Amino acid sequence: MKTQQQWIEQREAQVIEQRAFLNGEYTAAVDETTLEVVNPATDEIIANIARCKSADVDLAVEYAKRAFKKRRMEPKLSSTQKIYPDQVC
């Protein structure tokens, strides 16, 4: 069982990614706004993350459509190898 100090150390060591993950990379929201993430137990602000809105969703959908068009005709194994090259036999 962890002590309170161990929990505190684990929390402090954690890094919260603050950008959105779009098209295989981290990026700020289109309008660069952020949203505070608050620990409800302490009211401490623990991060400011990308505040994604409809423009960000539209961009994500466009990236997904492009990826689908590009990869839909590839054999399944080839597609899998591109995602997990070290884990495919």
PDB file of N, CA and C in Angstrom:
ATOM      1  N   MET A   1       0.845  -1.185   0.000  1.00  0.00           N
ATOM      2  CA  MET A   1       0.000   0.000   0.000  1.00  0.00           C
ATOM      3  C   MET A   1       0.889   1.246   0.000  1.00  0.00           C
ATOM      4  N   LYS A   2       0.523   2.199  -0.829  1.00  0.00           N
ATOM      5  CA  LYS A   2       1.326   3.414  -0.943  1.00  0.00           C
ATOM      6  C   LYS A   2       1.026   4.380   0.199  1.00  0.00           C
ATOM      7  N   THR A   3       2.064   5.104   0.577  1.00  0.00           N
ATOM      8  CA  THR A   3       1.881   6.149   1.577  1.00  0.00           C
ATOM      9  C   THR A   3       1.381   7.414   0.887  1.00  0.00           C
ATOM     10  N   GLN A   4       0.929   8.362   1.675  1.00  0.00           N
ATOM     11  CA  GLN A   4       0.468   9.627   1.106  1.00  0.00           C
ATOM     12  C   GLN A   4       1.607  10.306   0.358  1.00  0.00           C
ATOM     13  N   GLN A   5       2.809  10.245   0.909  1.00  0.00           N
ATOM     14  CA  GLN A   5       3.956  10.874   0.250  1.00  0.00           C
ATOM     15  C   GLN A   5       4.230  10.221  -1.107  1.00  0.00           C
ATOM     16  N   GLN A   6       4.092   8.912  -1.199  1.00  0.00           N
ATOM     17  CA  GLN A   6       4.299   8.224  -2.473  1.00  0.00           C
ATOM     18  C   GLN A   6       3.254   8.653  -3.498  1.00  0.00           C
ATOM     19  N   TRP A   7       2.009   8.822  -3.062  1.00  0.00           N
ATOM     20  CA  TRP A   7       0.967   9.289  -3.973  1.00  0.00           C
ATOM     21  C   TRP A   7       1.266  10.701  -4.456  1.00  0.00           C
ATOM     22  N   ILE A   8       1.732  11.553  -3.556  1.00  0.00           N
ATOM     23  CA  ILE A   8       2.076  12.930  -3.923  1.00  0.00           C
ATOM     24  C   ILE A   8       3.205  12.934  -4.940  1.00  0.00           C
ATOM     25  N   GLU A   9       4.228  12.127  -4.705  1.00  0.00           N
ATOM     26  CA  GLU A   9       5.361  12.046  -5.635  1.00  0.00           C
ATOM     27  C   GLU A   9       4.920  11.532  -6.997  1.00  0.00           C
ATOM     28  N   GLN A  10       4.040  10.545  -7.011  1.00  0.00           N
ATOM     29  CA  GLN A  10       3.543  10.010  -8.280  1.00  0.00           C
ATOM     30  C   GLN A  10       2.758  11.079  -9.030  1.00  0.00           C
ATOM     31  N   ARG A  11       1.922  11.802  -8.335  1.00  0.00           N
ATOM     32  CA  ARG A  11       1.127  12.861  -8.965  1.00  0.00           C
ATOM     33  C   ARG A  11       2.026  13.941  -9.550  1.00  0.00           C
ATOM     34  N   GLU A  12       3.035  14.342  -8.803  1.00  0.00           N
ATOM     35  CA  GLU A  12       3.930  15.401  -9.265  1.00  0.00           C
ATOM     36  C   GLU A  12       4.769  14.964 -10.455  1.00  0.00           C
ATOM     37  N   ALA A  13       5.017  13.671 -10.575  1.00  0.00           N
ATOM     38  CA  ALA A  13       5.825  13.151 -11.680  1.00  0.00           C
ATOM     39  C   ALA A  13       5.016  13.012 -12.973  1.00  0.00           C
ATOM     40  N   GLN A  14       3.695  13.010 -12.868  1.00  0.00           N
ATOM     41  CA  GLN A  14       2.857  12.832 -14.050  1.00  0.00           C
ATOM     42  C   GLN A  14       2.856  14.085 -14.914  1.00  0.00           C
ATOM     43  N   VAL A  15       2.891  13.850 -16.195  1.00  0.00           N
ATOM     44  CA  VAL A  15       2.818  14.947 -17.148  1.00  0.00           C
ATOM     45  C   VAL A  15       1.502  14.814 -17.908  1.00  0.00           C
ATOM     46  N   ILE A  16       0.716  15.856 -17.894  1.00  0.00           N
ATOM     47  CA  ILE A  16      -0.555  15.853 -18.616  1.00  0.00           C
ATOM     48  C   ILE A  16      -0.337  16.585 -19.931  1.00  0.00           C
ATOM     49  N   GLU A  17      -0.517  15.860 -21.029  1.00  0.00           N
ATOM     50  CA  GLU A  17      -0.365  16.493 -22.345  1.00  0.00           C
ATOM     51  C   GLU A  17      -1.459  17.533 -22.495  1.00  0.00           C
ATOM     52  N   GLN A  18      -1.068  18.729 -22.871  1.00  0.00           N
ATOM     53  CA  GLN A  18      -2.019  19.832 -22.910  1.00  0.00           C
ATOM     54  C   GLN A  18      -2.545  20.123 -24.311  1.00  0.00           C
ATOM     55  N   ARG A  19      -1.978  19.479 -25.311  1.00  0.00           N
ATOM     56  CA  ARG A  19      -2.415  19.725 -26.686  1.00  0.00           C
ATOM     57  C   ARG A  19      -3.304  18.584 -27.166  1.00  0.00           C
ATOM     58  N   ALA A  20      -4.064  18.853 -28.201  1.00  0.00           N
ATOM     59  CA  ALA A  20      -4.913  17.827 -28.817  1.00  0.00           C
ATOM     60  C   ALA A  20      -4.046  16.942 -29.713  1.00  0.00           C
ATOM     61  N   PHE A  21      -4.452  15.690 -29.895  1.00  0.00           N
ATOM     62  CA  PHE A  21      -3.723  14.760 -30.759  1.00  0.00           C
ATOM     63  C   PHE A  21      -4.486  14.632 -32.067  1.00  0.00           C
ATOM     64  N   LEU A  22      -3.971  15.279 -33.118  1.00  0.00           N
ATOM     65  CA  LEU A  22      -4.616  15.271 -34.430  1.00  0.00           C
ATOM     66  C   LEU A  22      -3.617  14.881 -35.503  1.00  0.00           C
ATOM     67  N   ASN A  23      -4.018  13.984 -36.362  1.00  0.00           N
ATOM     68  CA  ASN A  23      -3.201  13.584 -37.503  1.00  0.00           C
ATOM     69  C   ASN A  23      -1.816  13.090 -37.084  1.00  0.00           C
ATOM     70  N   GLY A  24      -1.765  12.373 -35.973  1.00  0.00           N
ATOM     71  CA  GLY A  24      -0.517  11.770 -35.531  1.00  0.00           C
ATOM     72  C   GLY A  24       0.431  12.697 -34.795  1.00  0.00           C
ATOM     73  N   GLU A  25      -0.039  13.880 -34.415  1.00  0.00           N
ATOM     74  CA  GLU A  25       0.841  14.778 -33.665  1.00  0.00           C
ATOM     75  C   GLU A  25       0.033  15.653 -32.715  1.00  0.00           C
ATOM     76  N   TYR A  26       0.722  16.144 -31.706  1.00  0.00           N
ATOM     77  CA  TYR A  26       0.077  17.029 -30.743  1.00  0.00           C
ATOM     78  C   TYR A  26       0.047  18.445 -31.294  1.00  0.00           C
ATOM     79  N   THR A  27      -1.087  19.101 -31.133  1.00  0.00           N
ATOM     80  CA  THR A  27      -1.261  20.447 -31.656  1.00  0.00           C
ATOM     81  C   THR A  27      -2.214  21.239 -30.762  1.00  0.00           C
ATOM     82  N   ALA A  28      -2.060  22.543 -30.768  1.00  0.00           N
ATOM     83  CA  ALA A  28      -2.979  23.401 -30.016  1.00  0.00           C
ATOM     84  C   ALA A  28      -4.338  23.410 -30.706  1.00  0.00           C
ATOM     85  N   ALA A  29      -5.348  23.843 -29.993  1.00  0.00           N
ATOM     86  CA  ALA A  29      -6.666  24.015 -30.602  1.00  0.00           C
ATOM     87  C   ALA A  29      -6.560  25.056 -31.712  1.00  0.00           C
ATOM     88  N   VAL A  30      -7.437  24.971 -32.694  1.00  0.00           N
ATOM     89  CA  VAL A  30      -7.397  25.882 -33.841  1.00  0.00           C
ATOM     90  C   VAL A  30      -7.374  27.338 -33.376  1.00  0.00           C
ATOM     91  N   ASP A  31      -8.227  27.674 -32.411  1.00  0.00           N
ATOM     92  CA  ASP A  31      -8.258  29.065 -31.933  1.00  0.00           C
ATOM     93  C   ASP A  31      -7.323  29.302 -30.743  1.00  0.00           C
ATOM     94  N   GLU A  32      -6.532  28.294 -30.411  1.00  0.00           N
ATOM     95  CA  GLU A  32      -5.510  28.340 -29.355  1.00  0.00           C
ATOM     96  C   GLU A  32      -6.068  28.601 -27.957  1.00  0.00           C
ATOM     97  N   THR A  33      -7.359  28.358 -27.746  1.00  0.00           N
ATOM     98  CA  THR A  33      -7.912  28.510 -26.404  1.00  0.00           C
ATOM     99  C   THR A  33      -7.641  27.256 -25.586  1.00  0.00           C
ATOM    100  N   THR A  34      -7.659  27.420 -24.271  1.00  0.00           N
ATOM    101  CA  THR A  34      -7.422  26.296 -23.372  1.00  0.00           C
ATOM    102  C   THR A  34      -8.535  26.210 -22.336  1.00  0.00           C
ATOM    103  N   LEU A  35      -8.555  25.091 -21.653  1.00  0.00           N
ATOM    104  CA  LEU A  35      -9.548  24.819 -20.629  1.00  0.00           C
ATOM    105  C   LEU A  35      -8.804  24.384 -19.373  1.00  0.00           C
ATOM    106  N   GLU A  36      -9.117  24.989 -18.238  1.00  0.00           N
ATOM    107  CA  GLU A  36      -8.474  24.600 -16.987  1.00  0.00           C
ATOM    108  C   GLU A  36      -9.010  23.256 -16.521  1.00  0.00           C
ATOM    109  N   VAL A  37      -8.101  22.391 -16.086  1.00  0.00           N
ATOM    110  CA  VAL A  37      -8.472  21.120 -15.480  1.00  0.00           C
ATOM    111  C   VAL A  37      -8.200  21.278 -13.991  1.00  0.00           C
ATOM    112  N   VAL A  38      -9.239  21.099 -13.185  1.00  0.00           N
ATOM    113  CA  VAL A  38      -9.144  21.358 -11.752  1.00  0.00           C
ATOM    114  C   VAL A  38      -9.307  20.062 -10.969  1.00  0.00           C
ATOM    115  N   ASN A  39      -8.436  19.865  -9.988  1.00  0.00           N
ATOM    116  CA  ASN A  39      -8.570  18.747  -9.071  1.00  0.00           C
ATOM    117  C   ASN A  39      -9.732  19.084  -8.135  1.00  0.00           C
ATOM    118  N   PRO A  40     -10.831  18.333  -8.171  1.00  0.00           N
ATOM    119  CA  PRO A  40     -11.996  18.680  -7.359  1.00  0.00           C
ATOM    120  C   PRO A  40     -11.754  18.534  -5.856  1.00  0.00           C
ATOM    121  N   ALA A  41     -10.769  17.744  -5.482  1.00  0.00           N
ATOM    122  CA  ALA A  41     -10.489  17.553  -4.060  1.00  0.00           C
ATOM    123  C   ALA A  41      -9.752  18.740  -3.459  1.00  0.00           C
ATOM    124  N   THR A  42      -8.950  19.431  -4.294  1.00  0.00           N
ATOM    125  CA  THR A  42      -8.119  20.517  -3.768  1.00  0.00           C
ATOM    126  C   THR A  42      -8.384  21.860  -4.433  1.00  0.00           C
ATOM    127  N   ASP A  43      -9.180  21.858  -5.484  1.00  0.00           N
ATOM    128  CA  ASP A  43      -9.421  23.052  -6.313  1.00  0.00           C
ATOM    129  C   ASP A  43      -8.144  23.568  -6.971  1.00  0.00           C
ATOM    130  N   GLU A  44      -7.121  22.735  -7.019  1.00  0.00           N
ATOM    131  CA  GLU A  44      -5.855  23.096  -7.657  1.00  0.00           C
ATOM    132  C   GLU A  44      -5.982  22.923  -9.173  1.00  0.00           C
ATOM    133  N   ILE A  45      -5.492  23.897  -9.923  1.00  0.00           N
ATOM    134  CA  ILE A  45      -5.447  23.768 -11.381  1.00  0.00           C
ATOM    135  C   ILE A  45      -4.274  22.852 -11.709  1.00  0.00           C
ATOM    136  N   ILE A  46      -4.570  21.713 -12.339  1.00  0.00           N
ATOM    137  CA  ILE A  46      -3.510  20.752 -12.625  1.00  0.00           C
ATOM    138  C   ILE A  46      -3.059  20.777 -14.079  1.00  0.00           C
ATOM    139  N   ALA A  47      -3.831  21.426 -14.941  1.00  0.00           N
ATOM    140  CA  ALA A  47      -3.429  21.535 -16.348  1.00  0.00           C
ATOM    141  C   ALA A  47      -4.319  22.541 -17.056  1.00  0.00           C
ATOM    142  N   ASN A  48      -3.843  23.011 -18.173  1.00  0.00           N
ATOM    143  CA  ASN A  48      -4.629  23.809 -19.113  1.00  0.00           C
ATOM    144  C   ASN A  48      -4.546  23.073 -20.442  1.00  0.00           C
ATOM    145  N   ILE A  49      -5.640  22.424 -20.824  1.00  0.00           N
ATOM    146  CA  ILE A  49      -5.631  21.599 -22.031  1.00  0.00           C
ATOM    147  C   ILE A  49      -6.273  22.337 -23.202  1.00  0.00           C
ATOM    148  N   ALA A  50      -5.991  21.853 -24.403  1.00  0.00           N
ATOM    149  CA  ALA A  50      -6.578  22.454 -25.608  1.00  0.00           C
ATOM    150  C   ALA A  50      -8.097  22.379 -25.520  1.00  0.00           C
ATOM    151  N   ARG A  51      -8.735  23.506 -25.750  1.00  0.00           N
ATOM    152  CA  ARG A  51     -10.204  23.550 -25.730  1.00  0.00           C
ATOM    153  C   ARG A  51     -10.686  23.391 -27.171  1.00  0.00           C
ATOM    154  N   CYS A  52     -10.895  22.154 -27.554  1.00  0.00           N
ATOM    155  CA  CYS A  52     -11.279  21.852 -28.932  1.00  0.00           C
ATOM    156  C   CYS A  52     -12.751  22.179 -29.155  1.00  0.00           C
ATOM    157  N   LYS A  53     -13.007  22.811 -30.276  1.00  0.00           N
ATOM    158  CA  LYS A  53     -14.365  23.209 -30.637  1.00  0.00           C
ATOM    159  C   LYS A  53     -14.707  22.606 -31.997  1.00  0.00           C
ATOM    160  N   SER A  54     -15.760  23.075 -32.612  1.00  0.00           N
ATOM    161  CA  SER A  54     -16.225  22.470 -33.862  1.00  0.00           C
ATOM    162  C   SER A  54     -15.173  22.539 -34.969  1.00  0.00           C
ATOM    163  N   ALA A  55     -14.375  23.592 -35.025  1.00  0.00           N
ATOM    164  CA  ALA A  55     -13.331  23.679 -36.055  1.00  0.00           C
ATOM    165  C   ALA A  55     -12.295  22.574 -35.870  1.00  0.00           C
ATOM    166  N   ASP A  56     -11.994  22.240 -34.618  1.00  0.00           N
ATOM    167  CA  ASP A  56     -11.047  21.158 -34.343  1.00  0.00           C
ATOM    168  C   ASP A  56     -11.646  19.807 -34.722  1.00  0.00           C
ATOM    169  N   VAL A  57     -12.932  19.634 -34.450  1.00  0.00           N
ATOM    170  CA  VAL A  57     -13.612  18.390 -34.825  1.00  0.00           C
ATOM    171  C   VAL A  57     -13.629  18.250 -36.343  1.00  0.00           C
ATOM    172  N   ASP A  58     -13.938  19.335 -37.042  1.00  0.00           N
ATOM    173  CA  ASP A  58     -13.943  19.300 -38.510  1.00  0.00           C
ATOM    174  C   ASP A  58     -12.570  18.910 -39.047  1.00  0.00           C
ATOM    175  N   LEU A  59     -11.528  19.449 -38.449  1.00  0.00           N
ATOM    176  CA  LEU A  59     -10.166  19.125 -38.866  1.00  0.00           C
ATOM    177  C   LEU A  59      -9.853  17.651 -38.605  1.00  0.00           C
ATOM    178  N   ALA A  60     -10.239  17.153 -37.438  1.00  0.00           N
ATOM    179  CA  ALA A  60     -10.009  15.744 -37.111  1.00  0.00           C
ATOM    180  C   ALA A  60     -10.749  14.829 -38.084  1.00  0.00           C
ATOM    181  N   VAL A  61     -11.976  15.180 -38.429  1.00  0.00           N
ATOM    182  CA  VAL A  61     -12.755  14.383 -39.384  1.00  0.00           C
ATOM    183  C   VAL A  61     -12.083  14.401 -40.755  1.00  0.00           C
ATOM    184  N   GLU A  62     -11.599  15.549 -41.179  1.00  0.00           N
ATOM    185  CA  GLU A  62     -10.905  15.648 -42.469  1.00  0.00           C
ATOM    186  C   GLU A  62      -9.656  14.764 -42.481  1.00  0.00           C
ATOM    187  N   TYR A  63      -8.878  14.804 -41.403  1.00  0.00           N
ATOM    188  CA  TYR A  63      -7.687  13.946 -41.315  1.00  0.00           C
ATOM    189  C   TYR A  63      -8.076  12.471 -41.373  1.00  0.00           C
ATOM    190  N   ALA A  64      -9.156  12.112 -40.689  1.00  0.00           N
ATOM    191  CA  ALA A  64      -9.608  10.718 -40.690  1.00  0.00           C
ATOM    192  C   ALA A  64     -10.057  10.288 -42.083  1.00  0.00           C
ATOM    193  N   LYS A  65     -10.765  11.157 -42.791  1.00  0.00           N
ATOM    194  CA  LYS A  65     -11.196  10.837 -44.157  1.00  0.00           C
ATOM    195  C   LYS A  65      -9.999  10.615 -45.070  1.00  0.00           C
ATOM    196  N   ARG A  66      -9.007  11.484 -44.961  1.00  0.00           N
ATOM    197  CA  ARG A  66      -7.801  11.334 -45.789  1.00  0.00           C
ATOM    198  C   ARG A  66      -7.092  10.018 -45.498  1.00  0.00           C
ATOM    199  N   ALA A  67      -6.963   9.700 -44.216  1.00  0.00           N
ATOM    200  CA  ALA A  67      -6.290   8.457 -43.838  1.00  0.00           C
ATOM    201  C   ALA A  67      -7.063   7.250 -44.353  1.00  0.00           C
ATOM    202  N   PHE A  68      -8.381   7.298 -44.261  1.00  0.00           N
ATOM    203  CA  PHE A  68      -9.192   6.189 -44.735  1.00  0.00           C
ATOM    204  C   PHE A  68      -9.040   6.004 -46.239  1.00  0.00           C
ATOM    205  N   LYS A  69      -9.122   7.096 -46.990  1.00  0.00           N
ATOM    206  CA  LYS A  69      -8.984   7.006 -48.445  1.00  0.00           C
ATOM    207  C   LYS A  69      -7.628   6.444 -48.835  1.00  0.00           C
ATOM    208  N   LYS A  70      -6.613   6.849 -48.125  1.00  0.00           N
ATOM    209  CA  LYS A  70      -5.252   6.422 -48.440  1.00  0.00           C
ATOM    210  C   LYS A  70      -5.032   4.944 -48.112  1.00  0.00           C
ATOM    211  N   ARG A  71      -5.653   4.461 -47.041  1.00  0.00           N
ATOM    212  CA  ARG A  71      -5.331   3.127 -46.558  1.00  0.00           C
ATOM    213  C   ARG A  71      -6.413   2.083 -46.768  1.00  0.00           C
ATOM    214  N   ARG A  72      -7.573   2.454 -47.267  1.00  0.00           N
ATOM    215  CA  ARG A  72      -8.674   1.494 -47.333  1.00  0.00           C
ATOM    216  C   ARG A  72      -8.419   0.331 -48.277  1.00  0.00           C
ATOM    217  N   MET A  73      -7.591   0.514 -49.285  1.00  0.00           N
ATOM    218  CA  MET A  73      -7.343  -0.553 -50.238  1.00  0.00           C
ATOM    219  C   MET A  73      -6.103  -1.382 -49.895  1.00  0.00           C
ATOM    220  N   GLU A  74      -5.399  -1.026 -48.844  1.00  0.00           N
ATOM    221  CA  GLU A  74      -4.207  -1.784 -48.458  1.00  0.00           C
ATOM    222  C   GLU A  74      -4.613  -3.105 -47.813  1.00  0.00           C
ATOM    223  N   PRO A  75      -3.790  -4.134 -47.994  1.00  0.00           N
ATOM    224  CA  PRO A  75      -4.060  -5.392 -47.294  1.00  0.00           C
ATOM    225  C   PRO A  75      -4.032  -5.159 -45.784  1.00  0.00           C
ATOM    226  N   LYS A  76      -4.810  -5.910 -45.059  1.00  0.00           N
ATOM    227  CA  LYS A  76      -4.908  -5.718 -43.610  1.00  0.00           C
ATOM    228  C   LYS A  76      -3.556  -5.846 -42.918  1.00  0.00           C
ATOM    229  N   LEU A  77      -2.754  -6.817 -43.293  1.00  0.00           N
ATOM    230  CA  LEU A  77      -1.465  -7.012 -42.640  1.00  0.00           C
ATOM    231  C   LEU A  77      -0.573  -5.805 -42.856  1.00  0.00           C
ATOM    232  N   SER A  78      -0.570  -5.256 -44.051  1.00  0.00           N
ATOM    233  CA  SER A  78       0.243  -4.080 -44.337  1.00  0.00           C
ATOM    234  C   SER A  78      -0.189  -2.907 -43.474  1.00  0.00           C
ATOM    235  N   SER A  79      -1.482  -2.729 -43.360  1.00  0.00           N
ATOM    236  CA  SER A  79      -2.012  -1.651 -42.539  1.00  0.00           C
ATOM    237  C   SER A  79      -1.603  -1.838 -41.082  1.00  0.00           C
ATOM    238  N   THR A  80      -1.695  -3.064 -40.590  1.00  0.00           N
ATOM    239  CA  THR A  80      -1.321  -3.359 -39.209  1.00  0.00           C
ATOM    240  C   THR A  80       0.160  -3.138 -38.989  1.00  0.00           C
ATOM    241  N   GLN A  81       0.974  -3.535 -39.941  1.00  0.00           N
ATOM    242  CA  GLN A  81       2.414  -3.371 -39.794  1.00  0.00           C
ATOM    243  C   GLN A  81       2.793  -1.902 -39.674  1.00  0.00           C
ATOM    244  N   LYS A  82       2.078  -1.032 -40.337  1.00  0.00           N
ATOM    245  CA  LYS A  82       2.391   0.391 -40.252  1.00  0.00           C
ATOM    246  C   LYS A  82       2.081   0.942 -38.869  1.00  0.00           C
ATOM    247  N   ILE A  83       1.075   0.400 -38.223  1.00  0.00           N
ATOM    248  CA  ILE A  83       0.699   0.890 -36.900  1.00  0.00           C
ATOM    249  C   ILE A  83       1.574   0.262 -35.817  1.00  0.00           C
ATOM    250  N   TYR A  84       1.788  -1.044 -35.895  1.00  0.00           N
ATOM    251  CA  TYR A  84       2.527  -1.766 -34.873  1.00  0.00           C
ATOM    252  C   TYR A  84       3.654  -2.598 -35.490  1.00  0.00           C
ATOM    253  N   PRO A  85       4.644  -1.985 -36.104  1.00  0.00           N
ATOM    254  CA  PRO A  85       5.664  -2.759 -36.810  1.00  0.00           C
ATOM    255  C   PRO A  85       6.460  -3.702 -35.913  1.00  0.00           C
ATOM    256  N   ASP A  86       6.610  -3.387 -34.648  1.00  0.00           N
ATOM    257  CA  ASP A  86       7.400  -4.228 -33.750  1.00  0.00           C
ATOM    258  C   ASP A  86       6.591  -5.377 -33.161  1.00  0.00           C
ATOM    259  N   GLN A  87       5.275  -5.324 -33.292  1.00  0.00           N
ATOM    260  CA  GLN A  87       4.437  -6.322 -32.655  1.00  0.00           C
ATOM    261  C   GLN A  87       3.823  -7.316 -33.630  1.00  0.00           C
ATOM    262  N   VAL A  88       4.040  -7.132 -34.922  1.00  0.00           N
ATOM    263  CA  VAL A  88       3.475  -8.033 -35.915  1.00  0.00           C
ATOM    264  C   VAL A  88       4.488  -9.128 -36.222  1.00  0.00           C
ATOM    265  N   CYS A  89       4.029 -10.382 -36.215  1.00  0.00           N
ATOM    266  CA  CYS A  89       4.934 -11.512 -36.492  1.00  0.00           C
ATOM    267  C   CYS A  89       5.271 -11.592 -37.960  1.00  0.00           C
TER     268      CYS A  89
END
